[in-house]
Amino acid sequence: MRVYLDLCTLNRLMDNQSQPRVAAEARAVEEILIGIERALFTWISSVLVAEARRNRDDDRREAVLICFAAQ
């Protein structure tokens, strides 16, 4: 199965997890990333790396770029 994760989806992992909906969405993204690592899914992306590199928040930028490195 091919999946497309946009930058907002990846940034959900760094959002405040105190709200149940945000925490559930972050868990879903984590599960998808695990599926990508295990070759259950194929990650379809476009210019997300370039967009991620423009993020001014150092922590978020690095965390998202790590996701791309695992791809």
PDB file of N, CA and C in Angstrom:
ATOM      1  N   MET A   1       0.849  -1.168   0.000  1.00  0.00           N
ATOM      2  CA  MET A   1       0.000   0.000   0.000  1.00  0.00           C
ATOM      3  C   MET A   1       0.896   1.233   0.000  1.00  0.00           C
ATOM      4  N   ARG A   2       0.539   2.190  -0.794  1.00  0.00           N
ATOM      5  CA  ARG A   2       1.266   3.460  -0.812  1.00  0.00           C
ATOM      6  C   ARG A   2       0.543   4.463   0.078  1.00  0.00           C
ATOM      7  N   VAL A   3       1.327   5.224   0.846  1.00  0.00           N
ATOM      8  CA  VAL A   3       0.758   6.246   1.719  1.00  0.00           C
ATOM      9  C   VAL A   3       1.474   7.571   1.465  1.00  0.00           C
ATOM     10  N   TYR A   4       0.737   8.642   1.600  1.00  0.00           N
ATOM     11  CA  TYR A   4       1.297   9.984   1.481  1.00  0.00           C
ATOM     12  C   TYR A   4       1.132  10.674   2.820  1.00  0.00           C
ATOM     13  N   LEU A   5       2.234  11.096   3.393  1.00  0.00           N
ATOM     14  CA  LEU A   5       2.212  11.856   4.641  1.00  0.00           C
ATOM     15  C   LEU A   5       2.706  13.261   4.346  1.00  0.00           C
ATOM     16  N   ASP A   6       1.876  14.245   4.633  1.00  0.00           N
ATOM     17  CA  ASP A   6       2.323  15.622   4.412  1.00  0.00           C
ATOM     18  C   ASP A   6       3.061  16.121   5.655  1.00  0.00           C
ATOM     19  N   LEU A   7       3.607  17.296   5.558  1.00  0.00           N
ATOM     20  CA  LEU A   7       4.430  17.833   6.645  1.00  0.00           C
ATOM     21  C   LEU A   7       3.616  18.068   7.918  1.00  0.00           C
ATOM     22  N   CYS A   8       2.367  18.459   7.779  1.00  0.00           N
ATOM     23  CA  CYS A   8       1.518  18.653   8.960  1.00  0.00           C
ATOM     24  C   CYS A   8       1.349  17.338   9.724  1.00  0.00           C
ATOM     25  N   THR A   9       1.233  16.253   8.977  1.00  0.00           N
ATOM     26  CA  THR A   9       1.086  14.941   9.596  1.00  0.00           C
ATOM     27  C   THR A   9       2.327  14.599  10.412  1.00  0.00           C
ATOM     28  N   LEU A  10       3.490  14.821   9.827  1.00  0.00           N
ATOM     29  CA  LEU A  10       4.734  14.509  10.534  1.00  0.00           C
ATOM     30  C   LEU A  10       4.933  15.420  11.742  1.00  0.00           C
ATOM     31  N   ASN A  11       4.536  16.666  11.615  1.00  0.00           N
ATOM     32  CA  ASN A  11       4.665  17.600  12.740  1.00  0.00           C
ATOM     33  C   ASN A  11       3.724  17.256  13.887  1.00  0.00           C
ATOM     34  N   ARG A  12       2.668  16.483  13.619  1.00  0.00           N
ATOM     35  CA  ARG A  12       1.724  16.087  14.668  1.00  0.00           C
ATOM     36  C   ARG A  12       2.462  15.355  15.795  1.00  0.00           C
ATOM     37  N   LEU A  13       3.544  14.678  15.455  1.00  0.00           N
ATOM     38  CA  LEU A  13       4.318  13.941  16.454  1.00  0.00           C
ATOM     39  C   LEU A  13       4.920  14.857  17.514  1.00  0.00           C
ATOM     40  N   MET A  14       5.160  16.125  17.172  1.00  0.00           N
ATOM     41  CA  MET A  14       5.772  17.061  18.108  1.00  0.00           C
ATOM     42  C   MET A  14       4.754  18.000  18.762  1.00  0.00           C
ATOM     43  N   ASP A  15       3.476  17.860  18.415  1.00  0.00           N
ATOM     44  CA  ASP A  15       2.442  18.702  19.004  1.00  0.00           C
ATOM     45  C   ASP A  15       2.179  18.298  20.454  1.00  0.00           C
ATOM     46  N   ASN A  16       1.552  19.185  21.201  1.00  0.00           N
ATOM     47  CA  ASN A  16       1.171  18.922  22.583  1.00  0.00           C
ATOM     48  C   ASN A  16       0.196  17.738  22.608  1.00  0.00           C
ATOM     49  N   GLN A  17       0.585  16.684  23.288  1.00  0.00           N
ATOM     50  CA  GLN A  17      -0.194  15.439  23.306  1.00  0.00           C
ATOM     51  C   GLN A  17      -1.253  15.395  24.410  1.00  0.00           C
ATOM     52  N   SER A  18      -1.519  16.511  25.079  1.00  0.00           N
ATOM     53  CA  SER A  18      -2.471  16.506  26.188  1.00  0.00           C
ATOM     54  C   SER A  18      -3.918  16.375  25.721  1.00  0.00           C
ATOM     55  N   GLN A  19      -4.201  16.718  24.478  1.00  0.00           N
ATOM     56  CA  GLN A  19      -5.553  16.550  23.944  1.00  0.00           C
ATOM     57  C   GLN A  19      -5.684  15.147  23.362  1.00  0.00           C
ATOM     58  N   PRO A  20      -6.749  14.417  23.712  1.00  0.00           N
ATOM     59  CA  PRO A  20      -6.907  13.037  23.248  1.00  0.00           C
ATOM     60  C   PRO A  20      -6.837  12.880  21.723  1.00  0.00           C
ATOM     61  N   ARG A  21      -7.445  13.796  20.996  1.00  0.00           N
ATOM     62  CA  ARG A  21      -7.442  13.693  19.535  1.00  0.00           C
ATOM     63  C   ARG A  21      -6.023  13.819  18.980  1.00  0.00           C
ATOM     64  N   VAL A  22      -5.269  14.770  19.485  1.00  0.00           N
ATOM     65  CA  VAL A  22      -3.894  14.981  19.022  1.00  0.00           C
ATOM     66  C   VAL A  22      -3.048  13.754  19.349  1.00  0.00           C
ATOM     67  N   ALA A  23      -3.205  13.221  20.553  1.00  0.00           N
ATOM     68  CA  ALA A  23      -2.445  12.040  20.958  1.00  0.00           C
ATOM     69  C   ALA A  23      -2.797  10.837  20.072  1.00  0.00           C
ATOM     70  N   ALA A  24      -4.075  10.662  19.766  1.00  0.00           N
ATOM     71  CA  ALA A  24      -4.502   9.550  18.908  1.00  0.00           C
ATOM     72  C   ALA A  24      -3.942   9.704  17.496  1.00  0.00           C
ATOM     73  N   GLU A  25      -3.968  10.922  16.976  1.00  0.00           N
ATOM     74  CA  GLU A  25      -3.424  11.160  15.637  1.00  0.00           C
ATOM     75  C   GLU A  25      -1.917  10.908  15.610  1.00  0.00           C
ATOM     76  N   ALA A  26      -1.222  11.316  16.664  1.00  0.00           N
ATOM     77  CA  ALA A  26       0.227  11.082  16.740  1.00  0.00           C
ATOM     78  C   ALA A  26       0.528   9.589  16.788  1.00  0.00           C
ATOM     79  N   ARG A  27      -0.264   8.836  17.543  1.00  0.00           N
ATOM     80  CA  ARG A  27      -0.072   7.382  17.607  1.00  0.00           C
ATOM     81  C   ARG A  27      -0.306   6.749  16.231  1.00  0.00           C
ATOM     82  N   ALA A  28      -1.297   7.240  15.516  1.00  0.00           N
ATOM     83  CA  ALA A  28      -1.575   6.709  14.175  1.00  0.00           C
ATOM     84  C   ALA A  28      -0.397   6.974  13.232  1.00  0.00           C
ATOM     85  N   VAL A  29       0.170   8.164  13.311  1.00  0.00           N
ATOM     86  CA  VAL A  29       1.331   8.491  12.477  1.00  0.00           C
ATOM     87  C   VAL A  29       2.501   7.585  12.844  1.00  0.00           C
ATOM     88  N   GLU A  30       2.725   7.365  14.131  1.00  0.00           N
ATOM     89  CA  GLU A  30       3.799   6.464  14.560  1.00  0.00           C
ATOM     90  C   GLU A  30       3.603   5.066  13.983  1.00  0.00           C
ATOM     91  N   GLU A  31       2.378   4.561  14.012  1.00  0.00           N
ATOM     92  CA  GLU A  31       2.099   3.226  13.472  1.00  0.00           C
ATOM     93  C   GLU A  31       2.355   3.166  11.969  1.00  0.00           C
ATOM     94  N   ILE A  32       1.994   4.225  11.269  1.00  0.00           N
ATOM     95  CA  ILE A  32       2.256   4.269   9.829  1.00  0.00           C
ATOM     96  C   ILE A  32       3.756   4.263   9.569  1.00  0.00           C
ATOM     97  N   LEU A  33       4.511   5.036  10.334  1.00  0.00           N
ATOM     98  CA  LEU A  33       5.966   5.068  10.163  1.00  0.00           C
ATOM     99  C   LEU A  33       6.588   3.704  10.459  1.00  0.00           C
ATOM    100  N   ILE A  34       6.072   3.005  11.440  1.00  0.00           N
ATOM    101  CA  ILE A  34       6.541   1.643  11.728  1.00  0.00           C
ATOM    102  C   ILE A  34       6.244   0.735  10.534  1.00  0.00           C
ATOM    103  N   GLY A  35       5.055   0.886   9.971  1.00  0.00           N
ATOM    104  CA  GLY A  35       4.699   0.105   8.784  1.00  0.00           C
ATOM    105  C   GLY A  35       5.615   0.388   7.604  1.00  0.00           C
ATOM    106  N   ILE A  36       6.043   1.634   7.476  1.00  0.00           N
ATOM    107  CA  ILE A  36       6.985   2.000   6.414  1.00  0.00           C
ATOM    108  C   ILE A  36       8.330   1.332   6.674  1.00  0.00           C
ATOM    109  N   GLU A  37       8.806   1.375   7.921  1.00  0.00           N
ATOM    110  CA  GLU A  37      10.071   0.725   8.277  1.00  0.00           C
ATOM    111  C   GLU A  37      10.042  -0.767   7.988  1.00  0.00           C
ATOM    112  N   ARG A  38       8.894  -1.390   8.206  1.00  0.00           N
ATOM    113  CA  ARG A  38       8.753  -2.838   8.011  1.00  0.00           C
ATOM    114  C   ARG A  38       8.382  -3.198   6.574  1.00  0.00           C
ATOM    115  N   ALA A  39       8.367  -2.196   5.705  1.00  0.00           N
ATOM    116  CA  ALA A  39       8.042  -2.382   4.280  1.00  0.00           C
ATOM    117  C   ALA A  39       6.604  -2.852   4.052  1.00  0.00           C
ATOM    118  N   LEU A  40       5.723  -2.553   4.998  1.00  0.00           N
ATOM    119  CA  LEU A  40       4.302  -2.835   4.800  1.00  0.00           C
ATOM    120  C   LEU A  40       3.659  -1.765   3.928  1.00  0.00           C
ATOM    121  N   PHE A  41       4.228  -0.565   3.991  1.00  0.00           N
ATOM    122  CA  PHE A  41       3.742   0.570   3.215  1.00  0.00           C
ATOM    123  C   PHE A  41       4.898   1.173   2.438  1.00  0.00           C
ATOM    124  N   THR A  42       4.568   1.829   1.345  1.00  0.00           N
ATOM    125  CA  THR A  42       5.539   2.609   0.584  1.00  0.00           C
ATOM    126  C   THR A  42       5.170   4.066   0.763  1.00  0.00           C
ATOM    127  N   TRP A  43       6.126   4.853   1.225  1.00  0.00           N
ATOM    128  CA  TRP A  43       5.888   6.274   1.476  1.00  0.00           C
ATOM    129  C   TRP A  43       6.051   7.042   0.181  1.00  0.00           C
ATOM    130  N   ILE A  44       5.008   7.730  -0.207  1.00  0.00           N
ATOM    131  CA  ILE A  44       5.027   8.589  -1.379  1.00  0.00           C
ATOM    132  C   ILE A  44       5.211  10.018  -0.888  1.00  0.00           C
ATOM    133  N   SER A  45       6.256  10.682  -1.345  1.00  0.00           N
ATOM    134  CA  SER A  45       6.474  12.070  -0.944  1.00  0.00           C
ATOM    135  C   SER A  45       6.887  12.875  -2.162  1.00  0.00           C
ATOM    136  N   SER A  46       6.875  14.169  -1.996  1.00  0.00           N
ATOM    137  CA  SER A  46       7.227  15.042  -3.114  1.00  0.00           C
ATOM    138  C   SER A  46       8.329  15.991  -2.670  1.00  0.00           C
ATOM    139  N   VAL A  47       7.996  17.219  -2.419  1.00  0.00           N
ATOM    140  CA  VAL A  47       8.989  18.224  -2.048  1.00  0.00           C
ATOM    141  C   VAL A  47       9.028  18.450  -0.530  1.00  0.00           C
ATOM    142  N   LEU A  48       8.629  17.471   0.222  1.00  0.00           N
ATOM    143  CA  LEU A  48       8.525  17.640   1.663  1.00  0.00           C
ATOM    144  C   LEU A  48       9.865  17.901   2.330  1.00  0.00           C
ATOM    145  N   VAL A  49      10.933  17.304   1.844  1.00  0.00           N
ATOM    146  CA  VAL A  49      12.241  17.506   2.471  1.00  0.00           C
ATOM    147  C   VAL A  49      12.639  18.974   2.361  1.00  0.00           C
ATOM    148  N   ALA A  50      12.460  19.543   1.192  1.00  0.00           N
ATOM    149  CA  ALA A  50      12.793  20.957   1.008  1.00  0.00           C
ATOM    150  C   ALA A  50      11.932  21.830   1.916  1.00  0.00           C
ATOM    151  N   GLU A  51      10.659  21.491   2.024  1.00  0.00           N
ATOM    152  CA  GLU A  51       9.758  22.247   2.900  1.00  0.00           C
ATOM    153  C   GLU A  51      10.171  22.090   4.365  1.00  0.00           C
ATOM    154  N   ALA A  52      10.521  20.888   4.760  1.00  0.00           N
ATOM    155  CA  ALA A  52      10.924  20.633   6.144  1.00  0.00           C
ATOM    156  C   ALA A  52      12.188  21.402   6.503  1.00  0.00           C
ATOM    157  N   ARG A  53      13.101  21.504   5.584  1.00  0.00           N
ATOM    158  CA  ARG A  53      14.364  22.216   5.846  1.00  0.00           C
ATOM    159  C   ARG A  53      14.140  23.707   6.087  1.00  0.00           C
ATOM    160  N   ARG A  54      13.025  24.247   5.637  1.00  0.00           N
ATOM    161  CA  ARG A  54      12.735  25.667   5.833  1.00  0.00           C
ATOM    162  C   ARG A  54      12.086  25.959   7.189  1.00  0.00           C
ATOM    163  N   ASN A  55      11.757  24.933   7.948  1.00  0.00           N
ATOM    164  CA  ASN A  55      11.130  25.130   9.247  1.00  0.00           C
ATOM    165  C   ASN A  55      12.115  25.838  10.173  1.00  0.00           C
ATOM    166  N   ARG A  56      11.695  26.922  10.766  1.00  0.00           N
ATOM    167  CA  ARG A  56      12.568  27.713  11.643  1.00  0.00           C
ATOM    168  C   ARG A  56      12.742  27.115  13.028  1.00  0.00           C
ATOM    169  N   ASP A  57      11.863  26.201  13.398  1.00  0.00           N
ATOM    170  CA  ASP A  57      11.958  25.534  14.696  1.00  0.00           C
ATOM    171  C   ASP A  57      12.961  24.386  14.567  1.00  0.00           C
ATOM    172  N   ASP A  58      14.129  24.555  15.180  1.00  0.00           N
ATOM    173  CA  ASP A  58      15.211  23.576  15.038  1.00  0.00           C
ATOM    174  C   ASP A  58      14.792  22.167  15.444  1.00  0.00           C
ATOM    175  N   ASP A  59      14.093  22.045  16.568  1.00  0.00           N
ATOM    176  CA  ASP A  59      13.709  20.723  17.069  1.00  0.00           C
ATOM    177  C   ASP A  59      12.750  20.027  16.111  1.00  0.00           C
ATOM    178  N   ARG A  60      11.731  20.753  15.663  1.00  0.00           N
ATOM    179  CA  ARG A  60      10.769  20.163  14.723  1.00  0.00           C
ATOM    180  C   ARG A  60      11.438  19.817  13.396  1.00  0.00           C
ATOM    181  N   ARG A  61      12.266  20.714  12.918  1.00  0.00           N
ATOM    182  CA  ARG A  61      12.950  20.477  11.639  1.00  0.00           C
ATOM    183  C   ARG A  61      13.768  19.188  11.712  1.00  0.00           C
ATOM    184  N   GLU A  62      14.569  19.048  12.760  1.00  0.00           N
ATOM    185  CA  GLU A  62      15.423  17.871  12.883  1.00  0.00           C
ATOM    186  C   GLU A  62      14.606  16.593  13.062  1.00  0.00           C
ATOM    187  N   ALA A  63      13.539  16.659  13.845  1.00  0.00           N
ATOM    188  CA  ALA A  63      12.703  15.478  14.070  1.00  0.00           C
ATOM    189  C   ALA A  63      12.052  15.012  12.772  1.00  0.00           C
ATOM    190  N   VAL A  64      11.566  15.951  11.982  1.00  0.00           N
ATOM    191  CA  VAL A  64      10.930  15.588  10.712  1.00  0.00           C
ATOM    192  C   VAL A  64      11.968  15.067   9.727  1.00  0.00           C
ATOM    193  N   LEU A  65      13.126  15.678   9.686  1.00  0.00           N
ATOM    194  CA  LEU A  65      14.163  15.202   8.762  1.00  0.00           C
ATOM    195  C   LEU A  65      14.632  13.795   9.135  1.00  0.00           C
ATOM    196  N   ILE A  66      14.587  13.449  10.409  1.00  0.00           N
ATOM    197  CA  ILE A  66      14.922  12.077  10.819  1.00  0.00           C
ATOM    198  C   ILE A  66      13.916  11.093  10.212  1.00  0.00           C
ATOM    199  N   CYS A  67      12.651  11.488  10.149  1.00  0.00           N
ATOM    200  CA  CYS A  67      11.645  10.628   9.528  1.00  0.00           C
ATOM    201  C   CYS A  67      11.997  10.343   8.071  1.00  0.00           C
ATOM    202  N   PHE A  68      12.464  11.364   7.375  1.00  0.00           N
ATOM    203  CA  PHE A  68      12.833  11.182   5.972  1.00  0.00           C
ATOM    204  C   PHE A  68      14.053  10.290   5.842  1.00  0.00           C
ATOM    205  N   ALA A  69      14.969  10.389   6.769  1.00  0.00           N
ATOM    206  CA  ALA A  69      16.173   9.555   6.718  1.00  0.00           C
ATOM    207  C   ALA A  69      15.816   8.079   6.875  1.00  0.00           C
ATOM    208  N   ALA A  70      14.773   7.790   7.624  1.00  0.00           N
ATOM    209  CA  ALA A  70      14.342   6.412   7.834  1.00  0.00           C
ATOM    210  C   ALA A  70      13.594   5.853   6.635  1.00  0.00           C
ATOM    211  N   GLN A  71      13.188   6.710   5.748  1.00  0.00           N
ATOM    212  CA  GLN A  71      12.363   6.306   4.605  1.00  0.00           C
ATOM    213  C   GLN A  71      13.086   5.405   3.725  1.00  0.00           C
TER     214      GLN A  71
END
